[in-house]
C-alpha atoms as a PDB file:
ATOM      1  CA  MET A   1      48.343 114.739 128.079  1.00  0.00           C
ATOM      2  CA  HIS A   2      50.205 117.408 129.989  1.00  0.00           C
ATOM      3  CA  SER A   3      53.924 118.028 130.050  1.00  0.00           C
ATOM      4  CA  GLY A   4      55.394 119.582 133.128  1.00  0.00           C
ATOM      5  CA  GLY A   5      57.301 122.828 133.076  1.00  0.00           C
ATOM      6  CA  ARG A   6      61.009 123.032 133.759  1.00  0.00           C
ATOM      7  CA  THR A   7      63.061 126.172 134.036  1.00  0.00           C
ATOM      8  CA  GLY A   8      66.636 126.666 132.992  1.00  0.00           C
ATOM      9  CA  ASN A   9      68.661 128.581 130.477  1.00  0.00           C
ATOM     10  CA  HIS A  10      69.009 125.816 127.887  1.00  0.00           C
ATOM     11  CA  ASN A  11      66.131 123.411 128.388  1.00  0.00           C
ATOM     12  CA  ARG A  12      63.048 125.396 129.131  1.00  0.00           C
ATOM     13  CA  MET A  13      59.903 123.407 128.428  1.00  0.00           C
ATOM     14  CA  LEU A  14      56.584 125.108 128.167  1.00  0.00           C
ATOM     15  CA  ALA A  15      53.564 123.293 129.489  1.00  0.00           C
ATOM     16  CA  ALA A  16      51.269 122.051 126.773  1.00  0.00           C
ATOM     17  CA  THR A  17      48.222 119.882 126.549  1.00  0.00           C
ATOM     18  CA  ILE A  18      47.710 117.674 123.545  1.00  0.00           C
ATOM     19  CA  HIS A  19      44.782 115.422 122.831  1.00  0.00           C
ATOM     20  CA  VAL A  20      45.503 111.857 121.774  1.00  0.00           C
ATOM     21  CA  ARG A  21      43.286 108.869 121.230  1.00  0.00           C
ATOM     22  CA  PRO A  22      42.966 106.540 124.220  1.00  0.00           C
ATOM     23  CA  ALA A  23      44.795 103.784 122.318  1.00  0.00           C
ATOM     24  CA  THR A  24      47.684 106.160 121.602  1.00  0.00           C
ATOM     25  CA  ARG A  25      47.929 107.131 125.245  1.00  0.00           C
ATOM     26  CA  GLN A  26      47.879 103.486 126.259  1.00  0.00           C
ATOM     27  CA  THR A  27      50.671 102.731 123.782  1.00  0.00           C
ATOM     28  CA  LEU A  28      52.732 105.658 125.081  1.00  0.00           C
ATOM     29  CA  GLU A  29      52.270 104.504 128.662  1.00  0.00           C
ATOM     30  CA  GLN A  30      53.177 100.906 127.764  1.00  0.00           C
ATOM     31  CA  LEU A  31      56.285 102.010 125.890  1.00  0.00           C
ATOM     32  CA  ALA A  32      57.279 104.201 128.819  1.00  0.00           C
ATOM     33  CA  ALA A  33      56.866 101.289 131.220  1.00  0.00           C
ATOM     34  CA  ASP A  34      58.733  98.890 128.910  1.00  0.00           C
ATOM     35  CA  THR A  35      61.663 101.278 128.539  1.00  0.00           C
ATOM     36  CA  ARG A  36      61.553 102.595 132.117  1.00  0.00           C
ATOM     37  CA  SER A  37      61.167 106.077 130.747  1.00  0.00           C
ATOM     38  CA  SER A  38      58.601 108.828 130.959  1.00  0.00           C
ATOM     39  CA  VAL A  39      55.711 109.294 128.565  1.00  0.00           C
ATOM     40  CA  GLN A  40      57.286 112.653 127.661  1.00  0.00           C
ATOM     41  CA  ASN A  41      60.571 110.993 126.705  1.00  0.00           C
ATOM     42  CA  VAL A  42      58.775 108.360 124.640  1.00  0.00           C
ATOM     43  CA  LEU A  43      56.756 111.053 122.876  1.00  0.00           C
ATOM     44  CA  ASP A  44      59.895 113.139 122.242  1.00  0.00           C
ATOM     45  CA  ALA A  45      61.657 110.106 120.760  1.00  0.00           C
ATOM     46  CA  ALA A  46      58.645 109.259 118.604  1.00  0.00           C
ATOM     47  CA  VAL A  47      58.413 112.785 117.215  1.00  0.00           C
ATOM     48  CA  GLU A  48      62.153 112.830 116.471  1.00  0.00           C
ATOM     49  CA  ALA A  49      61.940 109.453 114.715  1.00  0.00           C
ATOM     50  CA  TYR A  50      58.994 110.691 112.653  1.00  0.00           C
ATOM     51  CA  ARG A  51      60.829 113.923 111.789  1.00  0.00           C
ATOM     52  CA  ARG A  52      63.762 111.878 110.507  1.00  0.00           C
ATOM     53  CA  GLN A  53      61.454 109.547 108.565  1.00  0.00           C
ATOM     54  CA  VAL A  54      59.752 112.486 106.841  1.00  0.00           C
ATOM     55  CA  PHE A  55      63.135 114.042 106.034  1.00  0.00           C
ATOM     56  CA  LEU A  56      64.364 110.812 104.435  1.00  0.00           C
ATOM     57  CA  GLU A  57      61.128 110.344 102.500  1.00  0.00           C
ATOM     58  CA  GLN A  58      61.376 113.900 101.165  1.00  0.00           C
ATOM     59  CA  THR A  59      65.037 113.385 100.275  1.00  0.00           C
ATOM     60  CA  ASN A  60      64.245 110.137  98.474  1.00  0.00           C
ATOM     61  CA  GLN A  61      61.435 111.828  96.557  1.00  0.00           C
ATOM     62  CA  ALA A  62      63.709 114.701  95.562  1.00  0.00           C
ATOM     63  CA  LEU A  63      66.301 112.238  94.283  1.00  0.00           C
ATOM     64  CA  ALA A  64      63.635 110.285  92.393  1.00  0.00           C
ATOM     65  CA  ASP A  65      62.459 113.523  90.789  1.00  0.00           C
ATOM     66  CA  LEU A  66      66.053 114.420  89.934  1.00  0.00           C
ATOM     67  CA  ARG A  67      66.572 111.046  88.251  1.00  0.00           C
ATOM     68  CA  LYS A  68      63.679 111.766  85.909  1.00  0.00           C
ATOM     69  CA  GLU A  69      65.715 114.554  84.294  1.00  0.00           C
ATOM     70  CA  ASP A  70      68.621 112.863  82.498  1.00  0.00           C
ATOM     71  CA  ARG A  71      70.801 115.967  82.110  1.00  0.00           C
ATOM     72  CA  THR A  72      70.222 117.159  85.665  1.00  0.00           C
ATOM     73  CA  TRP A  73      70.841 113.667  87.076  1.00  0.00           C
ATOM     74  CA  LYS A  74      74.092 113.416  85.087  1.00  0.00           C
ATOM     75  CA  GLU A  75      75.250 116.792  86.445  1.00  0.00           C
ATOM     76  CA  TYR A  76      74.376 115.698  89.973  1.00  0.00           C
ATOM     77  CA  ARG A  77      76.329 112.427  89.605  1.00  0.00           C
ATOM     78  CA  GLN A  78      79.335 114.325  88.198  1.00  0.00           C
ATOM     79  CA  GLU A  79      79.289 116.647  91.195  1.00  0.00           C
ATOM     80  CA  ILE A  80      79.089 113.692  93.582  1.00  0.00           C
ATOM     81  CA  GLU A  81      82.052 112.065  91.839  1.00  0.00           C
ATOM     82  CA  GLN A  82      84.047 115.288  92.213  1.00  0.00           C
ATOM     83  CA  TRP A  83      83.297 115.386  95.949  1.00  0.00           C
ATOM     84  CA  GLU A  84      84.272 111.718  96.310  1.00  0.00           C
ATOM     85  CA  THR A  85      87.550 112.418  94.539  1.00  0.00           C
ATOM     86  CA  THR A  86      88.373 115.357  96.823  1.00  0.00           C
ATOM     87  CA  GLY A  87      87.856 113.054  99.798  1.00  0.00           C
ATOM     88  CA  ASN A  88      90.984 111.138  98.695  1.00  0.00           C
ATOM     89  CA  ASP A  89      93.263 114.177  98.426  1.00  0.00           C
ATOM     90  CA  GLY A  90      94.865 113.616 101.815  1.00  0.00           C
ATOM     91  CA  LEU A  91      93.496 116.713 103.490  1.00  0.00           C
END
């Protein structure tokens, strides 16, 4: 798969070739057709969705680890309660 180059100050894309399985390419092309978009846009959206998924999974794991430590979890909850209280101060 090859992405085209585009010049500009803010959105400069470098050309890159990535290797994907034929089934993956077919899925990308089908999604692009279904959404009337480009394969590049579909791939960009997929990578962003995966980045967000990984972030949330890591956040959930960190919170699960935090819950295992009673004192630390209690301190965390107290801090959250303080922040929630300051949200009602009218500022």
